[in-house]
């Protein structure tokens, strides 16, 4: 045996030994997770805890000295924690389907592969499933970095008592899928409105005369093209191509390279403070001069950072609006409680949609 062969054998033996230790440690961790699950059930506490999840991720990043980057370690631990949750109790999480949608990808990216992901036909259906305890949590898109708000999600918060339990940012890469590699043969294009808009410049340059048919999701678009086969294509994800047996015609056709969608995890629980949180509220104010100023001034007085402010028609009377605001802090923080008290005095409708850990916007 040569010196190189001997070194190779030595390294492989060391890896085999480490694998034994790693598997044993993971199984031991799962046993402790099971015991924690028993205590949670006795206390009627949620199995999924975004605050604890964040704590674990910060801990493993602080323990790491390389060579693996932090994002790789987090991906590994995401699956370990996903398996631990399945040992504790298991989770059922709903999303806008069919399988292969970007919402489906967000579920996998946030919860891992061990939870039970259930598809629904619409965002209101996801809300209703959580409200009626058919599922534990729902994952719904709320805004895109290039195309703005998902109004269907915001409208549901006006009629639902569900809370925002956590958030997740997903990098969106859009592909053109189908069987027609010759673009001139594509006559009909299927896709969801917001995804179509995210690649409108590419479509105008490459498929200017194609009829665009809107679908309920990108995965539904892929499903339709898989059935029709000829003369059409879908705007969808690469995972949808795998699921529905489509070919990749063009990859990454989105107009902006940093195209990102923010998703919300909705449920009936409120996440405890972590020290780096965000709070979302919706309100409407009287139709009189200075009303919005009086609502917003307390945020300035307490030096609170507003990360979003958007308006939506109330649908009660013409030209009346609800305002959706995100800001730094947790509703249990003393300064936030003071601001919320001021909001109550200066609004005619106010609802706190939830306080939850802030997630990094680049994943």
Protein backbone atom coordinates (compact mmCIF):
# COMPACT_ATOMS: atom_id res chain seq x y z
CA UNK A 1 0.00 0.00 0.00
CA UNK A 2 1.41 3.37 -1.00
CA UNK A 3 1.76 6.29 1.41
CA UNK A 4 -1.16 8.07 -0.25
CA UNK A 5 -3.35 4.96 0.02
CA UNK A 6 -2.43 4.67 3.69
CA UNK A 7 -3.30 8.33 4.32
CA UNK A 8 -6.61 7.88 2.49
CA UNK A 9 -7.45 4.82 4.61
CA UNK A 10 -6.55 6.67 7.80
CA UNK A 11 -8.77 9.62 6.93
CA UNK A 12 -11.67 7.35 5.97
CA UNK A 13 -11.30 5.40 9.21
CA UNK A 14 -11.46 8.67 11.13
CA UNK A 15 -14.60 9.71 9.22
CA UNK A 16 -16.21 6.33 9.96
CA UNK A 17 -15.43 6.78 13.64
CA UNK A 18 -16.85 10.31 13.64
CA UNK A 19 -19.98 9.10 11.86
CA UNK A 20 -20.61 6.64 14.67
CA UNK A 21 -20.29 9.43 17.23
CA UNK A 22 -22.46 11.81 15.19
CA UNK A 23 -25.28 9.27 14.75
CA UNK A 24 -25.17 8.41 18.45
CA UNK A 25 -25.26 12.10 19.41
CA UNK A 26 -28.18 12.83 17.05
CA UNK A 27 -30.19 9.93 18.47
CA UNK A 28 -29.40 11.06 22.03
CA UNK A 29 -30.55 14.54 21.09
CA UNK A 30 -33.79 13.08 19.72
CA UNK A 31 -34.40 11.27 23.02
CA UNK A 32 -34.09 14.53 24.94
CA UNK A 33 -36.36 16.20 22.38
CA UNK A 34 -38.95 13.49 23.05
CA UNK A 35 -38.79 14.20 26.80
CA UNK A 36 -39.18 17.93 26.12
CA UNK A 37 -42.18 17.09 23.95
CA UNK A 38 -43.83 15.27 26.85
CA UNK A 39 -43.41 18.32 29.08
CA UNK A 40 -44.78 20.60 26.35
CA UNK A 41 -47.85 18.40 25.97
CA UNK A 42 -48.44 18.48 29.73
CA UNK A 43 -48.21 22.26 29.67
CA UNK A 44 -50.18 22.53 26.41
CA UNK A 45 -47.30 24.46 24.82
CA UNK A 46 -46.58 24.60 21.08
CA UNK A 47 -44.04 22.15 19.72
CA UNK A 48 -42.63 24.61 17.19
CA UNK A 49 -40.91 27.52 18.92
CA UNK A 50 -39.35 30.12 16.60
CA UNK A 51 -37.60 31.77 19.55
CA UNK A 52 -35.95 28.50 20.57
CA UNK A 53 -35.13 27.72 16.94
CA UNK A 54 -33.38 31.08 16.61
CA UNK A 55 -31.48 30.45 19.84
CA UNK A 56 -30.20 27.10 18.58
CA UNK A 57 -29.05 28.57 15.26
CA UNK A 58 -27.20 31.40 17.01
CA UNK A 59 -25.55 28.89 19.34
CA UNK A 60 -24.27 26.59 16.61
CA UNK A 61 -22.92 29.58 14.67
CA UNK A 62 -21.00 30.71 17.75
CA UNK A 63 -19.61 27.20 18.28
CA UNK A 64 -18.42 26.81 14.71
CA UNK A 65 -14.80 27.44 13.73
CA UNK A 66 -15.20 26.22 10.13
CA UNK A 67 -14.49 25.02 7.55
CA UNK A 68 -18.23 24.61 6.80
CA UNK A 69 -20.03 27.97 6.40
CA UNK A 70 -22.82 28.90 8.81
CA UNK A 71 -25.57 28.42 6.20
CA UNK A 72 -24.52 24.77 5.74
CA UNK A 73 -24.59 24.11 9.48
CA UNK A 74 -28.02 25.75 9.74
CA UNK A 75 -29.32 23.56 6.90
CA UNK A 76 -28.03 20.46 8.69
CA UNK A 77 -29.55 21.50 12.00
CA UNK A 78 -32.81 22.42 10.31
CA UNK A 79 -33.26 18.76 9.37
CA UNK A 80 -32.11 17.58 12.80
CA UNK A 81 -34.65 19.86 14.43
CA UNK A 82 -37.31 18.82 11.92
CA UNK A 83 -36.74 15.21 12.91
CA UNK A 84 -36.81 16.16 16.58
CA UNK A 85 -40.17 17.88 16.12
CA UNK A 86 -41.54 14.71 14.50
CA UNK A 87 -40.34 12.76 17.56
CA UNK A 88 -41.88 15.30 19.96
CA UNK A 89 -45.30 15.32 18.31
CA UNK A 90 -45.08 16.02 14.61
CA UNK A 91 -46.41 19.03 12.75
CA UNK A 92 -48.89 19.54 9.96
CA UNK A 93 -48.19 22.69 7.99
CA UNK A 94 -50.38 24.00 5.17
CA UNK A 95 -49.36 25.98 2.10
CA UNK A 96 -50.69 27.28 -1.21
CA UNK A 97 -50.32 24.30 -3.54
CA UNK A 98 -50.04 22.19 -5.52
CA UNK A 99 -46.74 20.54 -4.59
CA UNK A 100 -43.79 22.33 -6.11
CA UNK A 101 -45.05 25.87 -5.47
CA UNK A 102 -42.76 28.47 -3.96
CA UNK A 103 -44.90 28.24 -0.82
CA UNK A 104 -44.07 24.54 -0.72
CA UNK A 105 -40.39 25.42 -0.99
CA UNK A 106 -40.75 27.89 1.87
CA UNK A 107 -42.27 25.16 4.06
CA UNK A 108 -39.36 22.81 3.32
CA UNK A 109 -36.79 25.56 3.84
CA UNK A 110 -38.23 26.56 7.21
CA UNK A 111 -39.53 23.31 8.71
CA UNK A 112 -37.37 20.65 7.03
CA UNK A 113 -38.47 17.39 5.43
CA UNK A 114 -39.87 15.56 8.47
CA UNK A 115 -43.05 17.57 8.94
CA UNK A 116 -46.28 16.77 7.14
CA UNK A 117 -46.82 19.48 4.48
CA UNK A 118 -50.40 19.77 3.20
CA UNK A 119 -51.39 21.67 0.05
CA UNK A 120 -54.45 23.93 -0.26
CA UNK A 121 -56.07 25.58 -3.26
CA UNK A 122 -56.01 29.15 -1.96
CA UNK A 123 -54.60 31.39 0.75
CA UNK A 124 -58.05 31.71 2.44
CA UNK A 125 -58.17 27.90 2.54
CA UNK A 126 -54.85 27.86 4.42
CA UNK A 127 -56.20 30.34 6.96
CA UNK A 128 -59.41 28.34 7.44
CA UNK A 129 -57.48 25.11 7.96
CA UNK A 130 -55.46 26.67 10.79
CA UNK A 131 -58.55 28.29 12.30
CA UNK A 132 -60.39 24.95 12.42
CA UNK A 133 -57.35 23.05 13.78
CA UNK A 134 -57.00 20.89 10.68
CA UNK A 135 -53.34 21.91 10.58
CA UNK A 136 -50.95 23.36 13.15
CA UNK A 137 -49.58 26.24 11.08
CA UNK A 138 -49.91 27.81 7.66
CA UNK A 139 -47.23 29.33 5.46
CA UNK A 140 -48.49 32.18 3.26
CA UNK A 141 -46.69 34.73 1.05
CA UNK A 142 -47.13 38.34 2.12
CA UNK A 143 -44.80 40.42 -0.08
CA UNK A 144 -42.21 40.22 -2.82
CA UNK A 145 -39.13 42.41 -3.06
CA UNK A 146 -39.93 43.50 -6.61
CA UNK A 147 -43.74 43.25 -6.88
CA UNK A 148 -44.91 44.28 -3.44
CA UNK A 149 -47.78 42.94 -1.36
CA UNK A 150 -49.82 39.78 -1.66
CA UNK A 151 -53.21 41.38 -1.04
CA UNK A 152 -55.05 38.11 -0.48
CA UNK A 153 -52.95 37.47 2.62
CA UNK A 154 -53.44 40.97 4.03
CA UNK A 155 -57.20 40.80 3.45
CA UNK A 156 -57.42 37.56 5.42
CA UNK A 157 -55.91 39.22 8.49
CA UNK A 158 -58.88 41.60 8.52
CA UNK A 159 -61.35 38.76 9.02
CA UNK A 160 -59.23 36.18 10.87
CA UNK A 161 -58.06 36.00 14.49
CA UNK A 162 -54.87 34.12 13.57
CA UNK A 163 -51.50 35.57 14.55
CA UNK A 164 -48.18 35.90 12.79
CA UNK A 165 -45.98 33.40 14.60
CA UNK A 166 -42.83 33.77 12.53
CA UNK A 167 -41.51 34.97 9.16
CA UNK A 168 -39.27 33.50 6.46
CA UNK A 169 -37.52 35.00 3.45
CA UNK A 170 -37.05 32.82 0.37
CA UNK A 171 -34.87 33.65 -2.62
CA UNK A 172 -37.07 33.17 -5.70
CA UNK A 173 -35.58 31.80 -8.91
CA UNK A 174 -38.12 31.53 -11.73
CA UNK A 175 -37.80 29.13 -14.66
CA UNK A 176 -39.60 28.61 -17.95
CA UNK A 177 -40.78 25.00 -18.07
CA UNK A 178 -42.44 22.80 -20.66
CA UNK A 179 -41.71 20.63 -23.68
CA UNK A 180 -41.24 23.30 -26.37
CA UNK A 181 -37.57 24.34 -26.41
CA UNK A 182 -38.19 26.46 -29.51
CA UNK A 183 -39.64 29.68 -28.05
CA UNK A 184 -41.42 30.46 -31.30
CA UNK A 185 -43.65 27.40 -30.80
CA UNK A 186 -44.92 28.59 -27.41
CA UNK A 187 -48.35 30.16 -27.87
CA UNK A 188 -49.71 30.11 -24.30
CA UNK A 189 -47.93 30.82 -21.04
CA UNK A 190 -49.30 29.80 -17.63
CA UNK A 191 -48.31 31.34 -14.31
CA UNK A 192 -49.45 33.14 -11.18
CA UNK A 193 -49.81 36.91 -11.53
CA UNK A 194 -47.06 37.94 -9.12
CA UNK A 195 -44.52 35.53 -10.66
CA UNK A 196 -45.43 36.69 -14.17
CA UNK A 197 -44.75 40.27 -13.09
CA UNK A 198 -41.38 39.33 -11.63
CA UNK A 199 -40.12 38.38 -15.10
CA UNK A 200 -42.15 40.79 -17.27
CA UNK A 201 -39.05 42.30 -18.92
CA UNK A 202 -37.74 38.88 -19.95
CA UNK A 203 -41.15 37.90 -21.28
CA UNK A 204 -41.48 41.13 -23.25
CA UNK A 205 -38.08 40.56 -24.85
CA UNK A 206 -38.39 36.81 -25.54
CA UNK A 207 -42.10 35.95 -25.71
CA UNK A 208 -43.80 39.22 -26.72
CA UNK A 209 -46.77 37.67 -28.55
CA UNK A 210 -47.59 34.83 -26.14
CA UNK A 211 -51.01 34.68 -24.46
CA UNK A 212 -50.55 34.75 -20.69
CA UNK A 213 -53.08 32.79 -18.63
CA UNK A 214 -53.10 33.39 -14.88
CA UNK A 215 -53.22 30.39 -12.52
CA UNK A 216 -53.67 30.05 -8.77
CA UNK A 217 -50.00 29.14 -8.23
CA UNK A 218 -46.78 28.43 -10.13
CA UNK A 219 -47.15 24.73 -9.39
CA UNK A 220 -50.66 24.75 -10.88
CA UNK A 221 -49.17 26.30 -14.02
CA UNK A 222 -46.65 23.45 -14.24
CA UNK A 223 -49.42 20.92 -13.68
CA UNK A 224 -51.47 22.37 -16.55
CA UNK A 225 -48.53 22.34 -18.97
CA UNK A 226 -47.73 18.74 -18.02
CA UNK A 227 -51.25 17.81 -19.12
CA UNK A 228 -51.43 19.95 -22.28
CA UNK A 229 -47.82 19.32 -23.42
CA UNK A 230 -47.78 21.12 -26.78
CA UNK A 231 -47.71 24.84 -27.58
CA UNK A 232 -47.47 26.04 -23.99
CA UNK A 233 -45.06 26.67 -21.12
CA UNK A 234 -45.16 27.45 -17.41
CA UNK A 235 -43.49 30.04 -15.21
CA UNK A 236 -42.55 28.01 -12.16
CA UNK A 237 -39.76 26.60 -10.02
CA UNK A 238 -37.17 23.95 -10.81
CA UNK A 239 -38.70 21.66 -8.20
CA UNK A 240 -42.00 21.87 -10.13
CA UNK A 241 -40.16 20.62 -13.23
CA UNK A 242 -39.02 17.55 -11.29
CA UNK A 243 -42.45 16.87 -9.81
CA UNK A 244 -44.42 17.24 -13.04
CA UNK A 245 -41.88 15.86 -15.50
CA UNK A 246 -41.26 19.09 -17.39
CA UNK A 247 -38.10 20.15 -19.19
CA UNK A 248 -36.16 23.26 -18.26
CA UNK A 249 -36.48 25.65 -21.20
CA UNK A 250 -34.84 28.69 -19.58
CA UNK A 251 -33.51 29.17 -16.04
CA UNK A 252 -33.53 32.28 -13.82
CA UNK A 253 -35.75 34.46 -15.99
CA UNK A 254 -36.65 36.82 -13.14
CA UNK A 255 -35.80 40.45 -13.86
CA UNK A 256 -34.01 41.12 -10.55
CA UNK A 257 -31.21 38.90 -9.29
CA UNK A 258 -32.12 39.41 -5.61
CA UNK A 259 -35.80 38.53 -6.10
CA UNK A 260 -37.07 37.49 -2.65
CA UNK A 261 -40.48 36.67 -1.18
CA UNK A 262 -41.37 37.11 2.46
CA UNK A 263 -43.59 34.39 3.92
CA UNK A 264 -45.49 34.42 7.20
CA UNK A 265 -46.03 31.43 9.47
CA UNK A 266 -49.55 31.85 10.86
CA UNK A 267 -51.04 30.13 13.89
CA UNK A 268 -52.88 30.62 17.16
CA UNK A 269 -49.82 31.12 19.35
CA UNK A 270 -47.81 34.20 20.24
CA UNK A 271 -44.03 33.87 20.17
CA UNK A 272 -42.17 35.06 23.32
CA UNK A 273 -39.67 37.94 23.04
CA UNK A 274 -36.16 37.18 21.78
CA UNK A 275 -34.59 40.63 21.97
CA UNK A 276 -34.62 40.99 18.17
CA UNK A 277 -38.27 40.99 17.22
CA UNK A 278 -40.76 42.55 14.86
CA UNK A 279 -44.40 43.45 15.49
CA UNK A 280 -47.14 43.80 12.88
CA UNK A 281 -50.38 45.74 13.34
CA UNK A 282 -53.29 46.87 11.19
CA UNK A 283 -55.38 49.94 11.94
CA UNK A 284 -57.66 52.56 10.46
CA UNK A 285 -57.80 56.15 11.62
CA UNK A 286 -60.42 58.92 11.47
CA UNK A 287 -60.79 60.80 8.18
CA UNK A 288 -59.58 64.16 9.44
CA UNK A 289 -56.45 66.32 9.14
CA UNK A 290 -53.42 65.07 11.07
CA UNK A 291 -54.97 61.69 11.96
CA UNK A 292 -52.17 59.57 10.47
CA UNK A 293 -49.53 61.93 11.88
CA UNK A 294 -50.90 61.45 15.40
CA UNK A 295 -50.78 57.68 14.92
CA UNK A 296 -47.19 57.66 13.67
CA UNK A 297 -45.69 60.28 16.01
CA UNK A 298 -45.32 57.90 19.02
CA UNK A 299 -43.03 55.69 16.90
CA UNK A 300 -40.72 58.69 16.40
CA UNK A 301 -40.98 59.71 20.05
CA UNK A 302 -39.86 56.23 21.17
CA UNK A 303 -37.27 55.94 18.36
CA UNK A 304 -38.88 52.80 16.94
CA UNK A 305 -37.95 51.75 13.43
CA UNK A 306 -40.85 51.25 11.01
CA UNK A 307 -39.92 48.57 8.47
CA UNK A 308 -43.14 48.73 6.45
CA UNK A 309 -46.28 50.83 6.07
CA UNK A 310 -48.90 49.90 3.48
CA UNK A 311 -52.53 50.81 2.92
CA UNK A 312 -55.48 48.73 1.73
CA UNK A 313 -59.10 49.84 1.08
CA UNK A 314 -61.39 49.00 3.98
CA UNK A 315 -64.14 47.90 1.55
CA UNK A 316 -66.65 49.51 3.91
CA UNK A 317 -66.74 52.99 2.41
CA UNK A 318 -65.05 54.49 -0.64
CA UNK A 319 -61.61 56.02 0.00
CA UNK A 320 -61.29 54.60 3.51
CA UNK A 321 -58.12 52.65 4.22
CA UNK A 322 -56.57 50.19 6.63
CA UNK A 323 -52.87 50.66 7.30
CA UNK A 324 -50.53 47.71 7.82
CA UNK A 325 -47.38 48.53 9.77
CA UNK A 326 -44.32 46.46 10.74
CA UNK A 327 -41.88 47.82 13.31
CA UNK A 328 -38.99 46.64 15.47
CA UNK A 329 -39.80 45.36 18.95
CA UNK A 330 -42.14 42.97 20.76
CA UNK A 331 -45.57 43.91 22.06
CA UNK A 332 -44.44 42.85 25.54
CA UNK A 333 -41.66 45.47 25.48
CA UNK A 334 -42.44 48.48 27.67
CA UNK A 335 -41.85 50.98 24.86
CA UNK A 336 -44.09 49.01 22.48
CA UNK A 337 -46.88 48.86 25.04
CA UNK A 338 -46.71 52.63 25.35
CA UNK A 339 -46.94 53.04 21.58
CA UNK A 340 -49.86 50.60 21.32
CA UNK A 341 -51.72 52.55 24.00
CA UNK A 342 -51.28 55.67 21.90
CA UNK A 343 -52.51 53.82 18.84
CA UNK A 344 -55.69 52.80 20.62
CA UNK A 345 -56.44 56.42 21.44
CA UNK A 346 -55.93 57.67 17.87
CA UNK A 347 -57.44 54.87 15.76
CA UNK A 348 -60.97 53.67 15.14
CA UNK A 349 -59.79 50.09 14.53
CA UNK A 350 -56.60 48.41 15.74
CA UNK A 351 -55.43 44.81 15.71
CA UNK A 352 -52.02 43.48 16.69
CA UNK A 353 -51.24 40.77 14.14
CA UNK A 354 -48.34 39.33 16.11
CA UNK A 355 -44.83 39.77 17.48
CA UNK A 356 -42.19 37.35 16.23
CA UNK A 357 -38.42 36.92 15.79
CA UNK A 358 -36.90 38.89 12.94
CA UNK A 359 -35.53 36.65 10.19
CA UNK A 360 -32.52 37.45 7.99
CA UNK A 361 -33.57 38.70 4.57
CA UNK A 362 -30.74 36.95 2.73
CA UNK A 363 -30.88 33.17 2.99
